[in-house]
Amino acid sequence: MTAAERRSEANGIWLCQTCAKLVDNDPPRYTADLLRHWRRISEEAARLDIEQLSCAGSADRVSDVDLIRFYGQCFDRPAFQDHFRGEVSMEAFDQAIEDTITAINTGCLRARDGVVLVQSKGKSFLGNAEWGQRMDLIVDMLRAIRSRYDFAVKTGAIYAHDCAGGNSFYDFRDFGVADWMDHTRNEVLEVFGQLCAEAGVLPPVPLLRRPPRFW
């Protein structure tokens, strides 16, 4: 690349200081193709938010209370109810977090097999700006959970052993990861629980409903 091409906005991606250092220090893991993929996803999400905001005043607008009630359904899954160390499938956990982010952003809640369960509106349709900001915070926290999980797998803090019958056994080499996952998911539900209280709707099932089974 020429110096001009390297400085071009087409060759850039917005990252925080911490993530920028991680990327710069590990080129084999954070390839150019991966960074371009991240940028495409972010740009598509921004475009979707803009398009949704442009029609937020249309006749099919959903009330803020109905939207909060819908987002509550998105959290009604084991990924927000069980201890991380008791998860049966880490891959399913990661997918559930991703599906929750997608549902909050787009208003489309899908089952694990891809079937649409509920169709509503994404968080950009919230008329209450403060509620919208808190849903933005929730999505950021959910993305942090996925990033922490991915990093833990890549660094060996979580190691999966394939067993007979297609099952897996998970070896936690850093229990701090599990504690962080439980704490952060609790924070997510606490923030959302405050929204539910203000909206006058029932909050989702609380996290860690089952006693832990540690060994």
N, C-alpha and C. Protein backbone atom coordinates (compact mmCIF):
# COMPACT_ATOMS: atom_id res chain seq x y z
N MET A 1 0.85 -1.20 0.00
CA MET A 1 0.00 0.00 0.00
C MET A 1 0.88 1.24 0.00
N THR A 2 0.40 2.26 -0.69
CA THR A 2 1.10 3.54 -0.64
C THR A 2 0.79 4.22 0.68
N ALA A 3 1.54 5.26 0.97
CA ALA A 3 1.31 6.00 2.21
C ALA A 3 -0.09 6.61 2.21
N ALA A 4 -0.54 7.10 1.05
CA ALA A 4 -1.88 7.70 0.96
C ALA A 4 -2.97 6.65 1.18
N GLU A 5 -2.77 5.45 0.61
CA GLU A 5 -3.75 4.38 0.79
C GLU A 5 -3.81 3.93 2.26
N ARG A 6 -2.65 3.90 2.90
CA ARG A 6 -2.62 3.47 4.30
C ARG A 6 -3.33 4.47 5.20
N ARG A 7 -3.25 5.77 4.86
CA ARG A 7 -3.90 6.81 5.68
C ARG A 7 -5.36 7.02 5.30
N SER A 8 -5.81 6.41 4.22
CA SER A 8 -7.17 6.63 3.74
C SER A 8 -8.20 6.13 4.73
N GLU A 9 -9.37 6.80 4.77
CA GLU A 9 -10.45 6.36 5.65
C GLU A 9 -10.96 4.97 5.26
N ALA A 10 -10.75 4.58 4.00
CA ALA A 10 -11.16 3.24 3.56
C ALA A 10 -10.33 2.15 4.21
N ASN A 11 -9.19 2.52 4.77
CA ASN A 11 -8.31 1.56 5.41
C ASN A 11 -8.36 1.68 6.93
N GLY A 12 -9.40 2.32 7.45
CA GLY A 12 -9.48 2.56 8.89
C GLY A 12 -10.63 1.82 9.55
N ILE A 13 -10.53 1.63 10.85
CA ILE A 13 -11.60 1.07 11.66
C ILE A 13 -11.52 1.72 13.04
N TRP A 14 -12.68 2.11 13.58
CA TRP A 14 -12.71 2.75 14.89
C TRP A 14 -12.60 1.69 15.98
N LEU A 15 -11.63 1.85 16.87
CA LEU A 15 -11.44 0.96 18.01
C LEU A 15 -11.08 1.78 19.24
N CYS A 16 -11.44 1.26 20.40
CA CYS A 16 -11.01 1.93 21.63
C CYS A 16 -9.50 1.70 21.82
N GLN A 17 -8.92 2.40 22.75
CA GLN A 17 -7.48 2.31 22.97
C GLN A 17 -7.04 0.90 23.34
N THR A 18 -7.83 0.22 24.18
CA THR A 18 -7.48 -1.13 24.61
C THR A 18 -7.51 -2.12 23.45
N CYS A 19 -8.61 -2.08 22.68
CA CYS A 19 -8.75 -3.02 21.57
C CYS A 19 -7.75 -2.72 20.46
N ALA A 20 -7.45 -1.45 20.24
CA ALA A 20 -6.47 -1.09 19.21
C ALA A 20 -5.10 -1.69 19.54
N LYS A 21 -4.74 -1.67 20.82
CA LYS A 21 -3.44 -2.24 21.22
C LYS A 21 -3.45 -3.76 21.03
N LEU A 22 -4.57 -4.42 21.39
CA LEU A 22 -4.68 -5.86 21.20
C LEU A 22 -4.50 -6.23 19.73
N VAL A 23 -5.15 -5.46 18.86
CA VAL A 23 -5.07 -5.73 17.42
C VAL A 23 -3.65 -5.51 16.90
N ASP A 24 -3.05 -4.40 17.28
CA ASP A 24 -1.71 -4.08 16.79
C ASP A 24 -0.65 -5.07 17.27
N ASN A 25 -0.87 -5.63 18.46
CA ASN A 25 0.12 -6.53 19.03
C ASN A 25 -0.02 -7.99 18.56
N ASP A 26 -1.10 -8.30 17.83
CA ASP A 26 -1.33 -9.69 17.43
C ASP A 26 -1.88 -9.76 16.01
N PRO A 27 -1.09 -9.40 14.99
CA PRO A 27 -1.55 -9.42 13.59
C PRO A 27 -2.01 -10.79 13.11
N PRO A 28 -1.40 -11.92 13.52
CA PRO A 28 -1.88 -13.22 13.03
C PRO A 28 -3.32 -13.51 13.42
N ARG A 29 -3.72 -13.06 14.64
CA ARG A 29 -5.09 -13.31 15.09
C ARG A 29 -6.06 -12.31 14.48
N TYR A 30 -5.68 -11.05 14.47
CA TYR A 30 -6.57 -10.00 13.97
C TYR A 30 -6.14 -9.63 12.55
N THR A 31 -6.55 -10.45 11.61
CA THR A 31 -6.14 -10.27 10.22
C THR A 31 -6.88 -9.10 9.58
N ALA A 32 -6.37 -8.67 8.42
CA ALA A 32 -7.02 -7.58 7.68
C ALA A 32 -8.45 -7.97 7.30
N ASP A 33 -8.63 -9.24 6.89
CA ASP A 33 -9.98 -9.69 6.51
C ASP A 33 -10.94 -9.64 7.70
N LEU A 34 -10.46 -10.02 8.89
CA LEU A 34 -11.31 -9.97 10.08
C LEU A 34 -11.69 -8.53 10.41
N LEU A 35 -10.75 -7.62 10.32
CA LEU A 35 -11.03 -6.21 10.62
C LEU A 35 -12.03 -5.63 9.61
N ARG A 36 -11.87 -6.01 8.35
CA ARG A 36 -12.84 -5.54 7.34
C ARG A 36 -14.23 -6.11 7.62
N HIS A 37 -14.27 -7.36 8.09
CA HIS A 37 -15.56 -7.98 8.44
C HIS A 37 -16.20 -7.23 9.59
N TRP A 38 -15.42 -6.89 10.62
CA TRP A 38 -15.94 -6.10 11.75
C TRP A 38 -16.51 -4.77 11.26
N ARG A 39 -15.78 -4.14 10.36
CA ARG A 39 -16.21 -2.82 9.88
C ARG A 39 -17.52 -2.94 9.09
N ARG A 40 -17.64 -3.96 8.26
CA ARG A 40 -18.87 -4.15 7.49
C ARG A 40 -20.07 -4.34 8.41
N ILE A 41 -19.87 -5.14 9.48
CA ILE A 41 -20.96 -5.37 10.43
C ILE A 41 -21.37 -4.07 11.12
N SER A 42 -20.39 -3.30 11.56
CA SER A 42 -20.67 -2.04 12.26
C SER A 42 -21.37 -1.04 11.34
N GLU A 43 -20.91 -0.96 10.10
CA GLU A 43 -21.52 -0.03 9.15
C GLU A 43 -22.95 -0.45 8.83
N GLU A 44 -23.18 -1.75 8.70
CA GLU A 44 -24.53 -2.23 8.42
C GLU A 44 -25.47 -1.94 9.60
N ALA A 45 -24.96 -2.14 10.83
CA ALA A 45 -25.77 -1.84 12.01
C ALA A 45 -26.12 -0.36 12.08
N ALA A 46 -25.14 0.50 11.77
CA ALA A 46 -25.38 1.94 11.78
C ALA A 46 -26.40 2.32 10.71
N ARG A 47 -26.27 1.71 9.52
CA ARG A 47 -27.23 2.01 8.44
C ARG A 47 -28.65 1.60 8.85
N LEU A 48 -28.76 0.42 9.50
CA LEU A 48 -30.07 -0.05 9.94
C LEU A 48 -30.67 0.89 10.96
N ASP A 49 -29.85 1.38 11.89
CA ASP A 49 -30.34 2.32 12.90
C ASP A 49 -30.87 3.59 12.24
N ILE A 50 -30.14 4.10 11.26
CA ILE A 50 -30.56 5.33 10.57
C ILE A 50 -31.87 5.12 9.83
N GLU A 51 -32.00 3.98 9.15
CA GLU A 51 -33.22 3.71 8.40
C GLU A 51 -34.41 3.55 9.33
N GLN A 52 -34.19 2.90 10.48
CA GLN A 52 -35.28 2.72 11.42
C GLN A 52 -35.70 4.05 12.04
N LEU A 53 -34.72 4.91 12.34
CA LEU A 53 -35.04 6.21 12.91
C LEU A 53 -35.83 7.06 11.92
N SER A 54 -35.56 6.89 10.64
CA SER A 54 -36.23 7.71 9.64
C SER A 54 -37.72 7.42 9.54
N CYS A 55 -38.10 6.21 9.99
CA CYS A 55 -39.53 5.88 9.92
C CYS A 55 -40.12 5.69 11.30
N ALA A 56 -39.44 6.20 12.33
CA ALA A 56 -39.90 6.00 13.70
C ALA A 56 -41.23 6.67 13.98
N GLY A 57 -41.61 7.66 13.19
CA GLY A 57 -42.88 8.34 13.42
C GLY A 57 -44.01 7.82 12.59
N SER A 58 -43.81 6.69 11.92
CA SER A 58 -44.85 6.15 11.05
C SER A 58 -45.99 5.54 11.85
N ALA A 59 -47.05 5.18 11.11
CA ALA A 59 -48.27 4.71 11.77
C ALA A 59 -48.08 3.37 12.48
N ASP A 60 -47.08 2.58 12.04
CA ASP A 60 -46.89 1.27 12.64
C ASP A 60 -45.96 1.31 13.84
N ARG A 61 -45.73 2.49 14.38
CA ARG A 61 -44.83 2.65 15.52
C ARG A 61 -45.34 1.86 16.73
N VAL A 62 -44.43 1.16 17.39
CA VAL A 62 -44.75 0.40 18.58
C VAL A 62 -44.44 1.25 19.80
N SER A 63 -45.27 1.17 20.83
CA SER A 63 -45.05 1.98 22.03
C SER A 63 -43.78 1.52 22.74
N ASP A 64 -43.19 2.44 23.48
CA ASP A 64 -41.96 2.12 24.22
C ASP A 64 -42.20 0.99 25.22
N VAL A 65 -43.35 0.99 25.87
CA VAL A 65 -43.64 -0.06 26.84
C VAL A 65 -43.70 -1.42 26.16
N ASP A 66 -44.33 -1.49 24.99
CA ASP A 66 -44.38 -2.75 24.25
C ASP A 66 -42.99 -3.21 23.84
N LEU A 67 -42.13 -2.27 23.49
CA LEU A 67 -40.76 -2.63 23.10
C LEU A 67 -39.99 -3.19 24.29
N ILE A 68 -40.13 -2.57 25.45
CA ILE A 68 -39.45 -3.07 26.64
C ILE A 68 -39.96 -4.47 26.97
N ARG A 69 -41.26 -4.67 26.81
CA ARG A 69 -41.84 -5.99 27.06
C ARG A 69 -41.25 -7.02 26.09
N PHE A 70 -41.08 -6.62 24.83
CA PHE A 70 -40.47 -7.52 23.84
C PHE A 70 -39.03 -7.84 24.20
N TYR A 71 -38.24 -6.82 24.59
CA TYR A 71 -36.85 -7.07 24.94
C TYR A 71 -36.75 -8.02 26.13
N GLY A 72 -37.75 -7.96 27.02
CA GLY A 72 -37.77 -8.90 28.14
C GLY A 72 -37.84 -10.34 27.68
N GLN A 73 -38.59 -10.57 26.59
CA GLN A 73 -38.66 -11.92 26.03
C GLN A 73 -37.30 -12.38 25.52
N CYS A 74 -36.51 -11.44 25.03
CA CYS A 74 -35.19 -11.78 24.49
C CYS A 74 -34.26 -12.33 25.56
N PHE A 75 -34.49 -11.93 26.82
CA PHE A 75 -33.64 -12.39 27.91
C PHE A 75 -34.16 -13.67 28.57
N ASP A 76 -35.31 -14.14 28.12
CA ASP A 76 -35.92 -15.32 28.74
C ASP A 76 -35.33 -16.58 28.11
N ARG A 77 -34.08 -16.86 28.44
CA ARG A 77 -33.38 -18.03 27.92
C ARG A 77 -32.31 -18.44 28.93
N PRO A 78 -31.88 -19.70 28.90
CA PRO A 78 -30.91 -20.18 29.90
C PRO A 78 -29.62 -19.39 29.95
N ALA A 79 -29.22 -18.78 28.85
CA ALA A 79 -27.97 -18.02 28.83
C ALA A 79 -27.99 -16.87 29.83
N PHE A 80 -29.19 -16.48 30.31
CA PHE A 80 -29.29 -15.40 31.29
C PHE A 80 -29.86 -15.91 32.62
N GLN A 81 -29.88 -17.23 32.78
CA GLN A 81 -30.51 -17.79 33.97
C GLN A 81 -29.64 -18.78 34.73
N ASP A 82 -28.58 -19.25 34.12
CA ASP A 82 -27.76 -20.30 34.73
C ASP A 82 -26.33 -19.82 34.99
N HIS A 83 -25.69 -20.41 35.98
CA HIS A 83 -24.29 -20.13 36.24
C HIS A 83 -23.46 -20.49 35.01
N PHE A 84 -22.46 -19.68 34.73
CA PHE A 84 -21.64 -19.93 33.54
C PHE A 84 -20.92 -21.27 33.65
N ARG A 85 -20.48 -21.63 34.84
CA ARG A 85 -19.76 -22.89 35.02
C ARG A 85 -20.69 -24.09 34.92
N GLY A 86 -22.00 -23.84 34.89
CA GLY A 86 -22.95 -24.93 34.73
C GLY A 86 -23.50 -25.04 33.33
N GLU A 87 -22.98 -24.23 32.38
CA GLU A 87 -23.46 -24.28 31.01
C GLU A 87 -23.16 -25.65 30.39
N VAL A 88 -24.17 -26.19 29.70
CA VAL A 88 -24.00 -27.49 29.03
C VAL A 88 -23.21 -27.33 27.74
N SER A 89 -23.45 -26.23 27.02
CA SER A 89 -22.76 -25.98 25.75
C SER A 89 -22.30 -24.54 25.70
N MET A 90 -21.00 -24.32 25.70
CA MET A 90 -20.47 -22.97 25.61
C MET A 90 -20.77 -22.34 24.25
N GLU A 91 -20.76 -23.19 23.20
CA GLU A 91 -21.07 -22.67 21.87
C GLU A 91 -22.51 -22.17 21.81
N ALA A 92 -23.43 -22.92 22.44
CA ALA A 92 -24.83 -22.49 22.47
C ALA A 92 -24.99 -21.21 23.28
N PHE A 93 -24.21 -21.08 24.35
CA PHE A 93 -24.24 -19.87 25.17
C PHE A 93 -23.83 -18.66 24.33
N ASP A 94 -22.72 -18.79 23.61
CA ASP A 94 -22.24 -17.69 22.78
C ASP A 94 -23.26 -17.34 21.70
N GLN A 95 -23.88 -18.35 21.09
CA GLN A 95 -24.88 -18.10 20.06
C GLN A 95 -26.10 -17.41 20.64
N ALA A 96 -26.49 -17.78 21.86
CA ALA A 96 -27.65 -17.16 22.50
C ALA A 96 -27.40 -15.67 22.77
N ILE A 97 -26.18 -15.33 23.18
CA ILE A 97 -25.85 -13.92 23.40
C ILE A 97 -25.91 -13.16 22.08
N GLU A 98 -25.36 -13.76 21.02
CA GLU A 98 -25.41 -13.12 19.70
C GLU A 98 -26.85 -12.94 19.23
N ASP A 99 -27.69 -13.96 19.42
CA ASP A 99 -29.09 -13.87 19.00
C ASP A 99 -29.83 -12.78 19.78
N THR A 100 -29.48 -12.60 21.06
CA THR A 100 -30.11 -11.56 21.87
C THR A 100 -29.73 -10.17 21.36
N ILE A 101 -28.45 -10.00 21.02
CA ILE A 101 -28.00 -8.72 20.46
C ILE A 101 -28.75 -8.43 19.17
N THR A 102 -28.87 -9.42 18.31
CA THR A 102 -29.57 -9.24 17.03
C THR A 102 -31.04 -8.89 17.26
N ALA A 103 -31.68 -9.56 18.21
CA ALA A 103 -33.10 -9.30 18.48
C ALA A 103 -33.32 -7.88 18.99
N ILE A 104 -32.45 -7.42 19.88
CA ILE A 104 -32.59 -6.06 20.42
C ILE A 104 -32.33 -5.03 19.33
N ASN A 105 -31.36 -5.29 18.47
CA ASN A 105 -31.02 -4.33 17.42
C ASN A 105 -32.04 -4.29 16.29
N THR A 106 -32.59 -5.45 15.93
CA THR A 106 -33.45 -5.53 14.75
C THR A 106 -34.92 -5.75 15.06
N GLY A 107 -35.23 -6.22 16.29
CA GLY A 107 -36.62 -6.52 16.62
C GLY A 107 -37.08 -7.88 16.15
N CYS A 108 -36.13 -8.73 15.74
CA CYS A 108 -36.47 -10.06 15.24
C CYS A 108 -35.91 -11.11 16.19
N LEU A 109 -36.79 -11.77 16.94
CA LEU A 109 -36.37 -12.79 17.89
C LEU A 109 -36.53 -14.16 17.24
N ARG A 110 -35.44 -14.89 17.14
CA ARG A 110 -35.45 -16.20 16.48
C ARG A 110 -35.11 -17.32 17.45
N ALA A 111 -35.62 -18.51 17.14
CA ALA A 111 -35.25 -19.71 17.89
C ALA A 111 -33.87 -20.17 17.43
N ARG A 112 -33.32 -21.17 18.09
CA ARG A 112 -31.99 -21.64 17.76
C ARG A 112 -31.91 -22.15 16.32
N ASP A 113 -33.04 -22.68 15.80
CA ASP A 113 -33.04 -23.20 14.44
C ASP A 113 -33.30 -22.12 13.40
N GLY A 114 -33.41 -20.86 13.82
CA GLY A 114 -33.60 -19.76 12.89
C GLY A 114 -35.03 -19.35 12.66
N VAL A 115 -35.98 -20.10 13.21
CA VAL A 115 -37.39 -19.77 13.05
C VAL A 115 -37.72 -18.48 13.81
N VAL A 116 -38.44 -17.55 13.18
CA VAL A 116 -38.81 -16.30 13.83
C VAL A 116 -39.89 -16.56 14.87
N LEU A 117 -39.61 -16.22 16.12
CA LEU A 117 -40.57 -16.41 17.20
C LEU A 117 -41.45 -15.18 17.39
N VAL A 118 -40.82 -14.01 17.38
CA VAL A 118 -41.54 -12.75 17.59
C VAL A 118 -40.93 -11.70 16.67
N GLN A 119 -41.76 -10.88 16.06
CA GLN A 119 -41.28 -9.79 15.22
C GLN A 119 -41.75 -8.47 15.81
N SER A 120 -40.82 -7.62 16.18
CA SER A 120 -41.16 -6.33 16.77
C SER A 120 -40.31 -5.25 16.10
N LYS A 121 -39.74 -4.35 16.91
CA LYS A 121 -38.90 -3.27 16.40
C LYS A 121 -37.60 -3.20 17.19
N GLY A 122 -36.55 -2.74 16.54
CA GLY A 122 -35.26 -2.61 17.19
C GLY A 122 -35.22 -1.44 18.15
N LYS A 123 -34.16 -1.37 18.94
CA LYS A 123 -34.04 -0.37 20.00
C LYS A 123 -34.02 1.06 19.48
N SER A 124 -33.67 1.26 18.22
CA SER A 124 -33.65 2.62 17.68
C SER A 124 -35.06 3.20 17.55
N PHE A 125 -36.10 2.37 17.71
CA PHE A 125 -37.48 2.85 17.65
C PHE A 125 -37.97 3.39 18.99
N LEU A 126 -37.17 3.25 20.04
CA LEU A 126 -37.58 3.78 21.34
C LEU A 126 -37.67 5.30 21.29
N GLY A 127 -38.82 5.83 21.66
CA GLY A 127 -38.98 7.28 21.67
C GLY A 127 -38.33 7.92 22.87
N ASN A 128 -38.26 7.18 23.98
CA ASN A 128 -37.61 7.68 25.19
C ASN A 128 -36.10 7.60 25.01
N ALA A 129 -35.46 8.75 24.86
CA ALA A 129 -34.03 8.78 24.56
C ALA A 129 -33.20 8.12 25.67
N GLU A 130 -33.60 8.32 26.93
CA GLU A 130 -32.85 7.73 28.04
C GLU A 130 -32.95 6.22 28.02
N TRP A 131 -34.14 5.71 27.71
CA TRP A 131 -34.29 4.26 27.60
C TRP A 131 -33.44 3.72 26.45
N GLY A 132 -33.41 4.47 25.35
CA GLY A 132 -32.59 4.06 24.21
C GLY A 132 -31.13 3.98 24.56
N GLN A 133 -30.64 4.96 25.34
CA GLN A 133 -29.24 4.96 25.75
C GLN A 133 -28.93 3.76 26.64
N ARG A 134 -29.88 3.41 27.51
CA ARG A 134 -29.63 2.26 28.39
C ARG A 134 -29.66 0.95 27.61
N MET A 135 -30.50 0.86 26.58
CA MET A 135 -30.48 -0.33 25.73
C MET A 135 -29.18 -0.39 24.92
N ASP A 136 -28.67 0.77 24.52
CA ASP A 136 -27.35 0.80 23.86
C ASP A 136 -26.28 0.26 24.79
N LEU A 137 -26.35 0.67 26.07
CA LEU A 137 -25.38 0.19 27.06
C LEU A 137 -25.50 -1.32 27.23
N ILE A 138 -26.72 -1.82 27.26
CA ILE A 138 -26.93 -3.26 27.41
C ILE A 138 -26.31 -4.02 26.25
N VAL A 139 -26.53 -3.53 25.04
CA VAL A 139 -25.96 -4.19 23.86
C VAL A 139 -24.43 -4.17 23.92
N ASP A 140 -23.86 -3.05 24.36
CA ASP A 140 -22.40 -2.97 24.50
C ASP A 140 -21.89 -4.00 25.51
N MET A 141 -22.63 -4.18 26.60
CA MET A 141 -22.24 -5.15 27.61
C MET A 141 -22.35 -6.58 27.07
N LEU A 142 -23.37 -6.84 26.28
CA LEU A 142 -23.53 -8.17 25.68
C LEU A 142 -22.39 -8.45 24.70
N ARG A 143 -22.00 -7.43 23.95
CA ARG A 143 -20.87 -7.61 23.03
C ARG A 143 -19.58 -7.86 23.81
N ALA A 144 -19.45 -7.21 24.96
CA ALA A 144 -18.26 -7.45 25.79
C ALA A 144 -18.24 -8.89 26.30
N ILE A 145 -19.40 -9.44 26.60
CA ILE A 145 -19.49 -10.84 27.03
C ILE A 145 -19.00 -11.76 25.93
N ARG A 146 -19.45 -11.51 24.70
CA ARG A 146 -19.01 -12.35 23.58
C ARG A 146 -17.50 -12.21 23.36
N SER A 147 -16.99 -10.99 23.47
CA SER A 147 -15.55 -10.77 23.27
C SER A 147 -14.74 -11.48 24.35
N ARG A 148 -15.22 -11.42 25.59
CA ARG A 148 -14.50 -12.06 26.69
C ARG A 148 -14.52 -13.58 26.52
N TYR A 149 -15.66 -14.12 26.07
CA TYR A 149 -15.75 -15.56 25.83
C TYR A 149 -14.78 -15.98 24.73
N ASP A 150 -14.77 -15.25 23.63
CA ASP A 150 -13.89 -15.57 22.50
C ASP A 150 -12.43 -15.52 22.93
N PHE A 151 -12.08 -14.49 23.71
CA PHE A 151 -10.70 -14.36 24.17
C PHE A 151 -10.32 -15.49 25.11
N ALA A 152 -11.27 -15.91 25.97
CA ALA A 152 -11.00 -16.99 26.92
C ALA A 152 -10.75 -18.31 26.19
N VAL A 153 -11.51 -18.55 25.12
CA VAL A 153 -11.31 -19.78 24.34
C VAL A 153 -9.97 -19.75 23.63
N LYS A 154 -9.64 -18.61 23.02
CA LYS A 154 -8.40 -18.51 22.25
C LYS A 154 -7.16 -18.58 23.13
N THR A 155 -7.27 -18.11 24.37
CA THR A 155 -6.11 -18.12 25.26
C THR A 155 -6.05 -19.37 26.13
N GLY A 156 -7.05 -20.25 26.00
CA GLY A 156 -7.05 -21.49 26.77
C GLY A 156 -7.61 -21.38 28.16
N ALA A 157 -8.20 -20.23 28.52
CA ALA A 157 -8.83 -20.10 29.84
C ALA A 157 -10.04 -21.02 29.95
N ILE A 158 -10.67 -21.30 28.81
CA ILE A 158 -11.74 -22.30 28.71
C ILE A 158 -11.31 -23.30 27.65
N TYR A 159 -11.30 -24.57 28.03
CA TYR A 159 -10.87 -25.60 27.08
C TYR A 159 -11.96 -26.65 26.97
N ALA A 160 -12.35 -26.98 25.75
CA ALA A 160 -13.42 -27.95 25.51
C ALA A 160 -12.83 -29.29 25.11
N HIS A 161 -13.29 -30.37 25.77
CA HIS A 161 -12.92 -31.74 25.42
C HIS A 161 -14.13 -32.39 24.77
N ASP A 162 -13.99 -32.88 23.56
CA ASP A 162 -15.07 -33.58 22.88
C ASP A 162 -15.21 -34.98 23.46
N CYS A 163 -16.46 -35.33 23.78
CA CYS A 163 -16.73 -36.64 24.36
C CYS A 163 -17.62 -37.45 23.42
N ALA A 164 -17.85 -38.68 23.78
CA ALA A 164 -18.70 -39.55 22.97
C ALA A 164 -20.12 -39.02 22.95
N GLY A 165 -20.80 -39.26 21.83
CA GLY A 165 -22.18 -38.82 21.72
C GLY A 165 -22.33 -37.37 21.32
N GLY A 166 -21.22 -36.73 20.94
CA GLY A 166 -21.30 -35.35 20.50
C GLY A 166 -21.31 -34.34 21.64
N ASN A 167 -21.14 -34.80 22.88
CA ASN A 167 -21.12 -33.90 24.03
C ASN A 167 -19.71 -33.36 24.24
N SER A 168 -19.62 -32.33 25.05
CA SER A 168 -18.33 -31.72 25.35
C SER A 168 -18.17 -31.56 26.86
N PHE A 169 -16.94 -31.67 27.31
CA PHE A 169 -16.60 -31.41 28.70
C PHE A 169 -15.71 -30.18 28.73
N TYR A 170 -16.05 -29.21 29.59
CA TYR A 170 -15.34 -27.94 29.61
C TYR A 170 -14.43 -27.86 30.82
N ASP A 171 -13.21 -27.49 30.55
CA ASP A 171 -12.20 -27.35 31.59
C ASP A 171 -11.92 -25.87 31.80
N PHE A 172 -12.25 -25.36 33.00
CA PHE A 172 -12.00 -23.96 33.32
C PHE A 172 -10.61 -23.84 33.93
N ARG A 173 -9.72 -23.19 33.20
CA ARG A 173 -8.38 -22.97 33.70
C ARG A 173 -8.23 -21.60 34.34
N ASP A 174 -9.29 -20.82 34.27
CA ASP A 174 -9.33 -19.51 34.91
C ASP A 174 -10.76 -19.27 35.38
N PHE A 175 -11.05 -19.59 36.65
CA PHE A 175 -12.40 -19.45 37.16
C PHE A 175 -12.84 -17.99 37.23
N GLY A 176 -11.87 -17.07 37.12
CA GLY A 176 -12.23 -15.66 37.10
C GLY A 176 -13.09 -15.32 35.90
N VAL A 177 -12.93 -16.06 34.80
CA VAL A 177 -13.75 -15.82 33.61
C VAL A 177 -15.21 -16.12 33.93
N ALA A 178 -15.46 -17.25 34.60
CA ALA A 178 -16.83 -17.62 34.95
C ALA A 178 -17.45 -16.60 35.90
N ASP A 179 -16.67 -16.16 36.89
CA ASP A 179 -17.17 -15.16 37.84
C ASP A 179 -17.50 -13.86 37.11
N TRP A 180 -16.64 -13.46 36.14
CA TRP A 180 -16.88 -12.24 35.39
C TRP A 180 -18.15 -12.36 34.55
N MET A 181 -18.36 -13.53 33.94
CA MET A 181 -19.56 -13.75 33.13
C MET A 181 -20.82 -13.64 33.97
N ASP A 182 -20.81 -14.25 35.16
CA ASP A 182 -21.98 -14.17 36.03
C ASP A 182 -22.22 -12.73 36.49
N HIS A 183 -21.15 -12.05 36.87
CA HIS A 183 -21.28 -10.67 37.35
C HIS A 183 -21.80 -9.75 36.25
N THR A 184 -21.25 -9.89 35.04
CA THR A 184 -21.64 -8.99 33.95
C THR A 184 -23.07 -9.24 33.51
N ARG A 185 -23.48 -10.51 33.46
CA ARG A 185 -24.87 -10.79 33.09
C ARG A 185 -25.82 -10.26 34.16
N ASN A 186 -25.41 -10.33 35.41
CA ASN A 186 -26.22 -9.73 36.47
C ASN A 186 -26.37 -8.23 36.26
N GLU A 187 -25.28 -7.58 35.89
CA GLU A 187 -25.33 -6.14 35.63
C GLU A 187 -26.28 -5.82 34.48
N VAL A 188 -26.23 -6.64 33.42
CA VAL A 188 -27.13 -6.44 32.29
C VAL A 188 -28.59 -6.50 32.75
N LEU A 189 -28.93 -7.52 33.53
CA LEU A 189 -30.31 -7.69 33.96
C LEU A 189 -30.71 -6.64 34.99
N GLU A 190 -29.75 -6.13 35.75
CA GLU A 190 -30.07 -5.06 36.69
C GLU A 190 -30.43 -3.78 35.94
N VAL A 191 -29.65 -3.45 34.91
CA VAL A 191 -29.96 -2.27 34.10
C VAL A 191 -31.32 -2.44 33.42
N PHE A 192 -31.54 -3.61 32.85
CA PHE A 192 -32.81 -3.83 32.17
C PHE A 192 -33.96 -3.89 33.18
N GLY A 193 -33.71 -4.42 34.37
CA GLY A 193 -34.75 -4.48 35.39
C GLY A 193 -35.23 -3.08 35.78
N GLN A 194 -34.32 -2.12 35.82
CA GLN A 194 -34.71 -0.74 36.11
C GLN A 194 -35.62 -0.19 35.02
N LEU A 195 -35.32 -0.54 33.76
CA LEU A 195 -36.19 -0.12 32.66
C LEU A 195 -37.57 -0.73 32.80
N CYS A 196 -37.60 -2.02 33.16
CA CYS A 196 -38.89 -2.69 33.34
C CYS A 196 -39.71 -2.02 34.44
N ALA A 197 -39.04 -1.65 35.53
CA ALA A 197 -39.74 -0.99 36.63
C ALA A 197 -40.34 0.35 36.18
N GLU A 198 -39.58 1.11 35.39
CA GLU A 198 -40.07 2.40 34.90
C GLU A 198 -41.19 2.22 33.89
N ALA A 199 -41.12 1.12 33.11
CA ALA A 199 -42.15 0.87 32.10
C ALA A 199 -43.37 0.17 32.68
N GLY A 200 -43.25 -0.34 33.90
CA GLY A 200 -44.37 -1.01 34.54
C GLY A 200 -44.62 -2.40 33.99
N VAL A 201 -43.55 -3.09 33.56
CA VAL A 201 -43.69 -4.45 33.04
C VAL A 201 -42.85 -5.39 33.90
N LEU A 202 -43.17 -6.68 33.82
CA LEU A 202 -42.44 -7.66 34.61
C LEU A 202 -41.03 -7.84 34.06
N PRO A 203 -40.04 -7.89 34.93
CA PRO A 203 -38.66 -8.10 34.46
C PRO A 203 -38.47 -9.55 34.03
N PRO A 204 -37.41 -9.86 33.30
CA PRO A 204 -37.14 -11.25 32.90
C PRO A 204 -36.78 -12.11 34.10
N VAL A 205 -36.80 -13.42 33.89
CA VAL A 205 -36.43 -14.35 34.95
C VAL A 205 -35.03 -14.01 35.45
N PRO A 206 -34.84 -13.93 36.77
CA PRO A 206 -33.53 -13.51 37.29
C PRO A 206 -32.42 -14.49 36.93
N LEU A 207 -31.22 -13.97 36.88
CA LEU A 207 -30.04 -14.76 36.58
C LEU A 207 -29.75 -15.73 37.72
N LEU A 208 -29.12 -16.85 37.36
CA LEU A 208 -28.66 -17.84 38.34
C LEU A 208 -29.84 -18.42 39.12
N ARG A 209 -30.87 -18.82 38.40
CA ARG A 209 -32.06 -19.37 39.05
C ARG A 209 -31.79 -20.75 39.65
N ARG A 210 -30.79 -21.46 39.08
CA ARG A 210 -30.48 -22.78 39.58
C ARG A 210 -29.23 -22.72 40.43
N PRO A 211 -29.15 -23.53 41.51
CA PRO A 211 -27.92 -23.53 42.33
C PRO A 211 -26.76 -24.07 41.52
N PRO A 212 -25.57 -23.52 41.73
CA PRO A 212 -24.40 -23.98 40.97
C PRO A 212 -24.02 -25.41 41.32
N ARG A 213 -23.48 -26.10 40.32
CA ARG A 213 -22.96 -27.46 40.53
C ARG A 213 -21.49 -27.44 40.16
N PHE A 214 -20.66 -27.05 41.11
CA PHE A 214 -19.24 -26.91 40.83
C PHE A 214 -18.49 -28.15 41.31
N TRP A 215 -17.46 -28.51 40.59
CA TRP A 215 -16.60 -29.60 41.00
C TRP A 215 -15.19 -29.38 40.49
